N, C-alpha and C. Protein backbone atom coordinates (compact mmCIF):
# COMPACT_ATOMS: atom_id res chain seq x y z
N GLY A 1 103.39 110.54 97.84
CA GLY A 1 104.45 110.24 96.91
C GLY A 1 104.17 110.75 95.51
N THR A 2 102.99 111.26 95.23
CA THR A 2 102.62 111.65 93.87
C THR A 2 103.46 112.81 93.35
N PHE A 3 103.76 113.80 94.17
CA PHE A 3 104.44 115.00 93.69
C PHE A 3 105.88 115.13 94.18
N VAL A 4 106.48 114.02 94.61
CA VAL A 4 107.86 114.07 95.09
C VAL A 4 108.81 113.60 93.99
N PRO A 5 110.07 114.03 94.03
CA PRO A 5 111.05 113.55 93.05
C PRO A 5 111.16 112.03 93.12
N LYS A 6 111.27 111.40 91.96
CA LYS A 6 111.27 109.93 91.89
C LYS A 6 112.65 109.32 92.11
N ASP A 7 113.71 110.16 92.11
CA ASP A 7 115.07 109.64 92.21
C ASP A 7 115.76 110.00 93.52
N ILE A 8 114.99 110.39 94.52
CA ILE A 8 115.54 110.70 95.85
C ILE A 8 114.95 109.71 96.85
N HIS A 9 115.82 109.18 97.70
CA HIS A 9 115.34 108.24 98.71
C HIS A 9 114.33 108.96 99.62
N PRO A 10 113.19 108.32 99.95
CA PRO A 10 112.16 108.97 100.77
C PRO A 10 112.66 109.52 102.09
N HIS A 11 113.66 108.87 102.70
CA HIS A 11 114.17 109.37 103.98
C HIS A 11 115.01 110.63 103.84
N LYS A 12 115.40 110.96 102.61
CA LYS A 12 116.18 112.17 102.38
C LYS A 12 115.32 113.32 101.88
N LEU A 13 114.05 113.06 101.69
CA LEU A 13 113.14 114.10 101.24
C LEU A 13 112.83 115.06 102.38
N LYS A 14 112.69 116.33 102.04
CA LYS A 14 112.30 117.34 103.01
C LYS A 14 111.12 118.11 102.42
N HIS A 15 110.11 118.32 103.23
CA HIS A 15 108.94 119.08 102.82
C HIS A 15 109.32 120.56 102.81
N LYS A 16 108.87 121.30 101.81
CA LYS A 16 109.27 122.71 101.69
C LYS A 16 108.83 123.56 102.87
N GLU A 17 107.78 123.14 103.59
CA GLU A 17 107.30 123.88 104.75
C GLU A 17 107.83 123.29 106.06
N GLY A 18 108.79 122.39 105.97
CA GLY A 18 109.38 121.80 107.16
C GLY A 18 108.56 120.68 107.77
N LYS A 19 107.44 120.30 107.14
CA LYS A 19 106.62 119.22 107.67
C LYS A 19 107.28 117.87 107.41
N ARG A 20 106.89 116.91 108.20
CA ARG A 20 107.41 115.56 108.06
C ARG A 20 106.79 114.88 106.83
N ILE A 21 107.59 114.11 106.10
CA ILE A 21 107.09 113.32 104.97
C ILE A 21 106.34 112.11 105.52
N ASN A 22 105.18 111.82 104.97
CA ASN A 22 104.36 110.72 105.45
C ASN A 22 104.85 109.40 104.84
N HIS A 23 105.71 108.69 105.56
CA HIS A 23 106.24 107.42 105.08
C HIS A 23 105.27 106.26 105.32
N SER A 24 104.22 106.48 106.07
CA SER A 24 103.29 105.38 106.37
C SER A 24 102.47 104.97 105.16
N GLN A 25 102.53 105.75 104.08
CA GLN A 25 101.75 105.43 102.89
C GLN A 25 102.46 104.45 101.95
N PHE A 26 103.65 103.98 102.31
CA PHE A 26 104.36 103.04 101.44
C PHE A 26 103.59 101.74 101.28
N MET A 27 102.87 101.36 102.30
CA MET A 27 102.10 100.12 102.24
C MET A 27 100.88 100.25 103.13
N THR A 28 99.92 99.36 102.91
CA THR A 28 98.75 99.37 103.77
C THR A 28 99.18 98.90 105.16
N ARG A 29 98.42 99.31 106.15
CA ARG A 29 98.78 98.95 107.52
C ARG A 29 97.52 98.84 108.35
N GLU A 30 97.68 98.22 109.49
CA GLU A 30 96.55 98.05 110.40
C GLU A 30 96.27 99.36 111.13
N SER A 31 95.11 99.44 111.73
CA SER A 31 94.77 100.63 112.52
C SER A 31 95.63 100.66 113.78
N ASN A 32 95.69 101.80 114.43
CA ASN A 32 96.43 101.93 115.69
C ASN A 32 95.89 100.97 116.75
N GLU A 33 94.56 100.82 116.80
CA GLU A 33 93.95 99.94 117.79
C GLU A 33 94.37 98.49 117.56
N MET A 34 94.38 98.05 116.29
CA MET A 34 94.80 96.68 115.98
C MET A 34 96.27 96.47 116.35
N ARG A 35 97.09 97.45 116.02
CA ARG A 35 98.52 97.34 116.30
C ARG A 35 98.80 97.34 117.81
N ASP A 36 98.09 98.20 118.55
CA ASP A 36 98.34 98.34 119.99
C ASP A 36 97.71 97.21 120.81
N HIS A 37 96.68 96.57 120.28
CA HIS A 37 95.96 95.52 121.03
C HIS A 37 95.69 94.30 120.14
N PRO A 38 96.74 93.65 119.63
CA PRO A 38 96.53 92.55 118.69
C PRO A 38 95.78 91.36 119.29
N GLU A 39 96.03 91.04 120.55
CA GLU A 39 95.32 89.90 121.16
C GLU A 39 93.82 90.18 121.24
N THR A 40 93.47 91.39 121.66
CA THR A 40 92.06 91.75 121.76
C THR A 40 91.40 91.72 120.39
N TYR A 41 92.08 92.27 119.39
CA TYR A 41 91.54 92.26 118.02
C TYR A 41 91.27 90.83 117.56
N HIS A 42 92.21 89.92 117.75
CA HIS A 42 92.03 88.54 117.30
C HIS A 42 90.94 87.82 118.09
N LYS A 43 90.83 88.12 119.38
CA LYS A 43 89.75 87.52 120.17
C LYS A 43 88.38 87.99 119.68
N ILE A 44 88.28 89.28 119.38
CA ILE A 44 87.02 89.83 118.87
C ILE A 44 86.69 89.19 117.52
N CYS A 45 87.67 89.12 116.63
CA CYS A 45 87.44 88.49 115.32
C CYS A 45 87.00 87.04 115.47
N ASP A 46 87.67 86.29 116.34
CA ASP A 46 87.31 84.88 116.54
C ASP A 46 85.90 84.74 117.10
N ALA A 47 85.56 85.60 118.07
CA ALA A 47 84.23 85.51 118.68
C ALA A 47 83.12 85.90 117.72
N LEU A 48 83.38 86.91 116.89
CA LEU A 48 82.33 87.43 116.01
C LEU A 48 82.33 86.81 114.61
N GLU A 49 83.37 86.05 114.29
CA GLU A 49 83.52 85.55 112.91
C GLU A 49 82.27 84.87 112.34
N PRO A 50 81.65 83.92 113.03
CA PRO A 50 80.49 83.25 112.40
C PRO A 50 79.36 84.21 112.04
N ILE A 51 79.02 85.11 112.94
CA ILE A 51 77.91 86.03 112.66
C ILE A 51 78.30 87.07 111.62
N LEU A 52 79.54 87.57 111.65
CA LEU A 52 79.96 88.56 110.66
C LEU A 52 79.98 87.95 109.26
N ARG A 53 80.51 86.73 109.13
CA ARG A 53 80.52 86.07 107.82
C ARG A 53 79.10 85.84 107.32
N TRP A 54 78.20 85.45 108.23
CA TRP A 54 76.81 85.20 107.85
C TRP A 54 76.15 86.49 107.36
N VAL A 55 76.35 87.58 108.09
CA VAL A 55 75.75 88.86 107.70
C VAL A 55 76.28 89.31 106.34
N VAL A 56 77.59 89.27 106.15
CA VAL A 56 78.18 89.70 104.89
C VAL A 56 77.66 88.84 103.74
N GLU A 57 77.57 87.53 103.95
CA GLU A 57 77.08 86.64 102.88
C GLU A 57 75.62 86.91 102.54
N LYS A 58 74.79 87.17 103.54
CA LYS A 58 73.37 87.48 103.29
C LYS A 58 73.24 88.75 102.46
N VAL A 59 74.01 89.76 102.79
CA VAL A 59 73.95 91.02 102.06
C VAL A 59 74.57 90.85 100.67
N ARG A 60 75.63 90.08 100.58
CA ARG A 60 76.34 89.87 99.32
C ARG A 60 75.43 89.31 98.23
N ILE A 61 74.51 88.48 98.60
CA ILE A 61 73.63 87.84 97.62
C ILE A 61 72.84 88.86 96.82
N SER A 62 72.46 89.95 97.44
CA SER A 62 71.56 90.88 96.76
C SER A 62 72.08 92.30 96.65
N TYR A 63 73.34 92.55 96.94
CA TYR A 63 73.79 93.93 96.95
C TYR A 63 74.95 94.15 95.99
N TYR A 64 74.95 95.22 95.26
CA TYR A 64 75.88 95.49 94.16
C TYR A 64 77.23 96.03 94.59
N LEU A 65 77.38 96.52 95.80
CA LEU A 65 78.62 97.21 96.15
C LEU A 65 79.83 96.30 96.25
N PHE A 66 79.64 95.00 96.25
CA PHE A 66 80.77 94.08 96.39
C PHE A 66 81.67 94.02 95.18
N SER A 67 81.14 94.25 93.99
CA SER A 67 81.96 94.10 92.78
C SER A 67 83.16 95.04 92.79
N GLU A 68 83.01 96.24 93.32
CA GLU A 68 84.10 97.20 93.32
C GLU A 68 85.12 96.95 94.43
N ILE A 69 84.72 96.35 95.53
CA ILE A 69 85.65 96.18 96.64
C ILE A 69 86.25 94.78 96.68
N GLU A 70 85.73 93.85 95.89
CA GLU A 70 86.17 92.46 95.94
C GLU A 70 87.68 92.31 95.71
N THR A 71 88.23 93.00 94.72
CA THR A 71 89.65 92.84 94.40
C THR A 71 90.55 93.65 95.32
N GLU A 72 90.04 94.70 95.92
CA GLU A 72 90.88 95.57 96.74
C GLU A 72 91.32 94.92 98.04
N VAL A 73 90.52 94.05 98.60
CA VAL A 73 90.88 93.44 99.88
C VAL A 73 92.11 92.54 99.73
N ASP A 74 92.42 92.09 98.54
CA ASP A 74 93.58 91.23 98.32
C ASP A 74 94.91 91.96 98.41
N ILE A 75 94.91 93.28 98.50
CA ILE A 75 96.18 94.02 98.58
C ILE A 75 96.67 94.20 100.00
N TYR A 76 95.89 93.78 100.99
CA TYR A 76 96.28 94.01 102.37
C TYR A 76 97.39 93.07 102.79
N PRO A 77 98.28 93.53 103.69
CA PRO A 77 99.48 92.76 104.03
C PRO A 77 99.18 91.48 104.80
N LEU A 78 100.13 90.57 104.70
CA LEU A 78 100.14 89.31 105.44
C LEU A 78 98.94 88.42 105.14
N ASN A 79 98.32 88.63 103.98
CA ASN A 79 97.17 87.81 103.58
C ASN A 79 96.14 87.70 104.70
N ASP A 80 95.92 88.79 105.40
CA ASP A 80 94.98 88.79 106.51
C ASP A 80 93.61 88.39 106.01
N ASP A 81 93.04 87.37 106.61
CA ASP A 81 91.73 86.89 106.21
C ASP A 81 90.73 87.32 107.27
N ASN A 82 90.26 88.55 107.14
CA ASN A 82 89.36 89.07 108.17
C ASN A 82 87.97 88.47 108.01
N PRO A 83 87.18 88.49 109.08
CA PRO A 83 85.86 87.86 109.05
C PRO A 83 84.81 88.64 108.26
N ILE A 84 85.17 89.76 107.67
CA ILE A 84 84.18 90.56 106.95
C ILE A 84 84.55 90.70 105.47
N ARG A 85 85.40 89.83 105.00
CA ARG A 85 85.82 89.83 103.60
C ARG A 85 84.59 89.80 102.71
N PRO A 86 84.47 90.60 101.68
CA PRO A 86 85.46 91.40 100.99
C PRO A 86 85.62 92.82 101.55
N PHE A 87 84.93 93.16 102.62
CA PHE A 87 85.13 94.46 103.25
C PHE A 87 86.47 94.46 103.97
N SER A 88 87.01 95.65 104.23
CA SER A 88 88.33 95.73 104.84
C SER A 88 88.29 96.08 106.32
N SER A 89 87.19 96.64 106.81
CA SER A 89 87.20 97.18 108.17
C SER A 89 85.87 96.97 108.87
N PHE A 90 85.97 96.94 110.20
CA PHE A 90 84.75 97.03 110.99
C PHE A 90 85.02 97.83 112.25
N VAL A 91 83.98 98.49 112.73
CA VAL A 91 84.06 99.31 113.93
C VAL A 91 82.97 98.83 114.87
N ILE A 92 83.30 98.75 116.15
CA ILE A 92 82.32 98.38 117.16
C ILE A 92 81.96 99.63 117.95
N ASN A 93 80.69 99.97 117.95
CA ASN A 93 80.18 101.10 118.73
C ASN A 93 79.42 100.54 119.92
N LEU A 94 79.77 100.97 121.11
CA LEU A 94 79.09 100.53 122.33
C LEU A 94 78.38 101.72 122.95
N ASN A 95 77.06 101.63 123.03
CA ASN A 95 76.24 102.69 123.62
C ASN A 95 76.57 104.05 123.04
N VAL A 96 76.45 104.15 121.72
CA VAL A 96 76.77 105.39 121.01
C VAL A 96 75.51 105.92 120.33
N LYS A 97 75.26 107.20 120.51
CA LYS A 97 74.24 107.90 119.73
C LYS A 97 75.01 108.84 118.81
N THR A 98 74.91 108.61 117.51
CA THR A 98 75.71 109.37 116.56
C THR A 98 75.04 110.66 116.14
N GLN A 99 75.87 111.62 115.76
CA GLN A 99 75.40 112.85 115.13
C GLN A 99 75.14 112.55 113.65
N ALA A 100 74.36 113.36 113.00
CA ALA A 100 74.13 113.21 111.56
C ALA A 100 75.46 113.37 110.82
N HIS A 101 75.77 112.44 109.95
CA HIS A 101 77.04 112.49 109.24
C HIS A 101 76.99 111.62 107.98
N ARG A 102 77.99 111.79 107.13
CA ARG A 102 78.28 110.90 106.02
C ARG A 102 79.69 110.39 106.23
N ASP A 103 79.95 109.18 105.80
CA ASP A 103 81.27 108.60 105.96
C ASP A 103 82.03 108.72 104.64
N HIS A 104 82.66 109.87 104.45
CA HIS A 104 83.34 110.14 103.18
C HIS A 104 84.55 109.24 102.95
N GLY A 105 85.07 108.63 103.98
CA GLY A 105 86.20 107.72 103.82
C GLY A 105 85.80 106.31 103.42
N ASP A 106 84.49 106.01 103.48
CA ASP A 106 84.02 104.67 103.09
C ASP A 106 84.02 104.52 101.58
N LYS A 107 84.17 103.30 101.14
CA LYS A 107 84.04 102.98 99.71
C LYS A 107 82.64 102.43 99.53
N ASN A 108 81.79 103.15 98.85
CA ASN A 108 80.41 102.77 98.50
C ASN A 108 79.46 102.77 99.69
N GLY A 109 79.51 101.77 100.53
CA GLY A 109 78.51 101.69 101.57
C GLY A 109 78.98 100.92 102.78
N CYS A 110 78.02 100.61 103.64
CA CYS A 110 78.35 99.89 104.86
C CYS A 110 77.19 98.98 105.25
N ILE A 111 77.50 98.07 106.15
CA ILE A 111 76.50 97.22 106.78
C ILE A 111 76.54 97.56 108.27
N VAL A 112 75.39 97.83 108.86
CA VAL A 112 75.32 98.08 110.29
C VAL A 112 74.56 96.92 110.93
N LEU A 113 75.23 96.19 111.80
CA LEU A 113 74.62 95.10 112.55
C LEU A 113 74.33 95.62 113.95
N VAL A 114 73.06 95.60 114.34
CA VAL A 114 72.63 96.14 115.63
C VAL A 114 72.53 95.00 116.64
N LEU A 115 73.07 95.24 117.83
CA LEU A 115 73.06 94.23 118.89
C LEU A 115 72.62 94.86 120.20
N GLY A 116 72.09 94.05 121.09
CA GLY A 116 71.82 94.51 122.45
C GLY A 116 70.36 94.50 122.83
N ASN A 117 70.14 94.61 124.13
CA ASN A 117 68.80 94.64 124.70
C ASN A 117 68.42 96.11 124.89
N HIS A 118 67.71 96.66 123.92
CA HIS A 118 67.37 98.08 123.95
C HIS A 118 66.04 98.32 123.25
N SER A 119 65.49 99.50 123.46
CA SER A 119 64.33 99.94 122.68
C SER A 119 64.67 101.33 122.14
N GLY A 120 64.22 101.61 120.93
CA GLY A 120 64.58 102.85 120.27
C GLY A 120 65.89 102.68 119.54
N GLY A 121 66.54 103.79 119.21
CA GLY A 121 67.84 103.74 118.54
C GLY A 121 67.75 103.51 117.05
N GLY A 122 66.59 103.77 116.45
CA GLY A 122 66.43 103.55 115.01
C GLY A 122 67.48 104.28 114.20
N ILE A 123 67.78 103.73 113.04
CA ILE A 123 68.76 104.34 112.13
C ILE A 123 68.02 105.25 111.17
N CYS A 124 68.42 106.52 111.14
CA CYS A 124 67.77 107.51 110.28
C CYS A 124 68.61 107.73 109.02
N LEU A 125 67.96 107.69 107.88
CA LEU A 125 68.58 108.03 106.60
C LEU A 125 67.91 109.31 106.15
N HIS A 126 68.61 110.42 106.33
CA HIS A 126 68.02 111.75 106.18
C HIS A 126 67.44 112.00 104.80
N GLU A 127 68.23 111.82 103.74
CA GLU A 127 67.75 112.14 102.38
C GLU A 127 66.57 111.28 101.98
N ALA A 128 66.54 110.05 102.44
CA ALA A 128 65.42 109.15 102.12
C ALA A 128 64.21 109.41 103.02
N LYS A 129 64.40 110.25 104.05
CA LYS A 129 63.34 110.55 105.01
C LYS A 129 62.77 109.27 105.62
N VAL A 130 63.71 108.41 106.06
CA VAL A 130 63.35 107.09 106.59
C VAL A 130 63.99 106.88 107.96
N VAL A 131 63.21 106.31 108.87
CA VAL A 131 63.74 105.83 110.14
C VAL A 131 63.56 104.32 110.13
N ILE A 132 64.64 103.60 110.26
CA ILE A 132 64.60 102.14 110.26
C ILE A 132 64.71 101.68 111.71
N GLU A 133 63.59 101.19 112.24
CA GLU A 133 63.58 100.70 113.61
C GLU A 133 64.32 99.37 113.63
N THR A 134 65.26 99.25 114.54
CA THR A 134 66.08 98.04 114.60
C THR A 134 66.04 97.44 115.99
N SER A 135 66.27 96.14 116.04
CA SER A 135 66.41 95.46 117.31
C SER A 135 67.58 94.48 117.19
N HIS A 136 67.85 93.76 118.24
CA HIS A 136 68.99 92.86 118.30
C HIS A 136 69.03 91.91 117.09
N GLY A 137 70.14 91.92 116.38
CA GLY A 137 70.33 91.02 115.25
C GLY A 137 69.95 91.58 113.90
N ASP A 138 69.33 92.75 113.87
CA ASP A 138 68.97 93.37 112.59
C ASP A 138 70.20 93.96 111.93
N ASN A 139 70.20 93.98 110.60
CA ASN A 139 71.28 94.69 109.90
C ASN A 139 70.68 95.55 108.81
N VAL A 140 71.36 96.65 108.56
CA VAL A 140 70.93 97.64 107.57
C VAL A 140 72.13 97.92 106.67
N THR A 141 71.89 97.93 105.36
CA THR A 141 72.95 98.23 104.39
C THR A 141 72.54 99.48 103.63
N PHE A 142 73.47 100.42 103.48
CA PHE A 142 73.18 101.65 102.75
C PHE A 142 74.47 102.29 102.29
N ARG A 143 74.35 103.25 101.39
CA ARG A 143 75.51 103.97 100.86
C ARG A 143 75.89 105.08 101.85
N SER A 144 76.81 104.78 102.73
CA SER A 144 77.19 105.68 103.81
C SER A 144 77.92 106.92 103.32
N THR A 145 78.42 106.89 102.09
CA THR A 145 79.08 108.07 101.52
C THR A 145 78.06 109.08 101.01
N ASP A 146 76.89 108.61 100.61
CA ASP A 146 75.88 109.46 99.97
C ASP A 146 74.70 109.81 100.87
N MET A 147 74.49 109.04 101.91
CA MET A 147 73.32 109.22 102.77
C MET A 147 73.74 109.77 104.13
N THR A 148 73.18 110.91 104.50
CA THR A 148 73.38 111.43 105.84
C THR A 148 72.63 110.49 106.79
N HIS A 149 73.32 110.01 107.82
CA HIS A 149 72.71 109.02 108.71
C HIS A 149 73.11 109.25 110.16
N TYR A 150 72.29 108.70 111.05
CA TYR A 150 72.52 108.80 112.48
C TYR A 150 71.56 107.85 113.16
N ASN A 151 71.77 107.60 114.46
CA ASN A 151 70.79 106.79 115.19
C ASN A 151 70.12 107.64 116.26
N LEU A 152 68.89 107.27 116.55
CA LEU A 152 68.08 107.99 117.53
C LEU A 152 68.43 107.54 118.95
N SER A 153 67.91 108.27 119.92
CA SER A 153 68.09 107.90 121.33
C SER A 153 67.47 106.53 121.58
N TYR A 154 67.95 105.88 122.61
CA TYR A 154 67.46 104.55 122.95
C TYR A 154 67.55 104.36 124.46
N VAL A 155 66.89 103.32 124.94
CA VAL A 155 66.95 102.93 126.34
C VAL A 155 67.49 101.52 126.38
N GLY A 156 68.43 101.26 127.27
CA GLY A 156 69.02 99.93 127.40
C GLY A 156 70.46 99.92 126.93
N VAL A 157 70.90 98.76 126.51
CA VAL A 157 72.26 98.58 126.02
C VAL A 157 72.19 98.33 124.52
N ARG A 158 72.90 99.17 123.75
CA ARG A 158 72.87 99.07 122.29
C ARG A 158 74.30 99.10 121.77
N ALA A 159 74.59 98.16 120.91
CA ALA A 159 75.88 98.14 120.23
C ALA A 159 75.61 98.02 118.74
N SER A 160 76.57 98.46 117.97
CA SER A 160 76.47 98.24 116.53
C SER A 160 77.86 97.89 116.01
N ILE A 161 77.87 97.02 115.03
CA ILE A 161 79.10 96.70 114.32
C ILE A 161 78.91 97.25 112.92
N VAL A 162 79.78 98.18 112.53
CA VAL A 162 79.70 98.81 111.22
C VAL A 162 80.80 98.20 110.35
N ILE A 163 80.38 97.56 109.27
CA ILE A 163 81.29 96.88 108.35
C ILE A 163 81.41 97.77 107.11
N HIS A 164 82.66 98.08 106.71
CA HIS A 164 82.84 98.99 105.58
C HIS A 164 84.20 98.76 104.93
N SER A 165 84.45 99.45 103.83
CA SER A 165 85.75 99.43 103.16
C SER A 165 86.25 100.85 102.99
N ASP A 166 87.55 100.98 102.85
CA ASP A 166 88.21 102.27 102.80
C ASP A 166 88.31 102.77 101.36
N ARG A 167 87.89 104.00 101.14
CA ARG A 167 87.92 104.61 99.81
C ARG A 167 89.34 104.69 99.23
N THR A 168 90.34 104.83 100.08
CA THR A 168 91.71 105.01 99.58
C THR A 168 92.34 103.73 99.05
N ALA A 169 91.71 102.59 99.23
CA ALA A 169 92.30 101.33 98.75
C ALA A 169 92.51 101.35 97.23
N ALA A 170 91.61 101.95 96.49
CA ALA A 170 91.77 101.99 95.03
C ALA A 170 93.00 102.81 94.63
N ALA A 171 93.25 103.92 95.32
CA ALA A 171 94.42 104.75 95.02
C ALA A 171 95.71 104.00 95.36
N TYR A 172 95.67 103.28 96.45
CA TYR A 172 96.85 102.50 96.83
C TYR A 172 97.09 101.39 95.81
N GLN A 173 96.02 100.71 95.42
CA GLN A 173 96.14 99.62 94.45
C GLN A 173 96.66 100.13 93.10
N LYS A 174 96.23 101.32 92.72
CA LYS A 174 96.61 101.89 91.42
C LYS A 174 98.11 102.18 91.35
N ASN A 175 98.66 102.90 92.35
CA ASN A 175 100.07 103.30 92.25
C ASN A 175 100.74 103.51 93.61
N GLY A 176 100.24 102.83 94.63
CA GLY A 176 100.87 102.96 95.95
C GLY A 176 100.88 104.38 96.47
N PHE A 177 99.80 105.13 96.23
CA PHE A 177 99.70 106.55 96.61
C PHE A 177 100.81 107.38 95.96
N GLY A 178 101.25 106.96 94.78
CA GLY A 178 102.28 107.68 94.05
C GLY A 178 103.69 107.23 94.33
N TRP A 179 103.89 106.40 95.34
CA TRP A 179 105.24 105.95 95.70
C TRP A 179 105.79 104.88 94.76
N ASP A 180 104.95 104.22 93.98
CA ASP A 180 105.42 103.17 93.08
C ASP A 180 106.44 103.70 92.06
N ALA A 181 106.35 104.97 91.70
CA ALA A 181 107.27 105.55 90.71
C ALA A 181 108.64 105.84 91.29
N ASN A 182 108.77 105.89 92.62
CA ASN A 182 110.05 106.19 93.24
C ASN A 182 110.99 104.98 93.09
N ILE A 183 112.19 105.20 92.62
CA ILE A 183 113.10 104.10 92.33
C ILE A 183 113.57 103.37 93.59
N TYR A 184 113.39 103.98 94.77
CA TYR A 184 113.83 103.37 96.02
C TYR A 184 112.70 102.61 96.74
N VAL A 185 111.48 102.79 96.33
CA VAL A 185 110.36 102.13 96.98
C VAL A 185 109.87 101.01 96.07
N LYS A 186 110.26 99.83 96.38
CA LYS A 186 109.88 98.67 95.56
C LYS A 186 109.56 97.50 96.43
């Protein structure tokens, strides 16, 4: 919405290259998985809520990244009170060995909670030249936008819950991705 005319209804806008206008940016929304499987999402949240809240609170006591994301979670629709507040999102990985990557879509950092009966699977932070050996119940917090990270091979069953926030929340909070200036989007 940043570079579109402010006095034309969004449904009447046409992209100069014939592409569709992205109307999904008018407001924040749930992921496709949450929308397509709401019962499963709520069951997972209910089952994991005590441990997720405990992990977030333990990290919150000593970690600085919360100050920037604390206010952004309040902009999400329907006053959703997720179990990882003030973070906005979590991902469950089941038996995944990741490639080296950075999470450029994350805001600041993430918490990785490791679960399962396994050996190996340490979390590698490339720039720090560190391998963090983890076992069931361990959690690791780091700046996932700045640190190249991945996990090593493992034997057994390994899951991880990655708790993070979305970098685009600040842009949405500032001006609704530019749509706030449109006279028809209010």
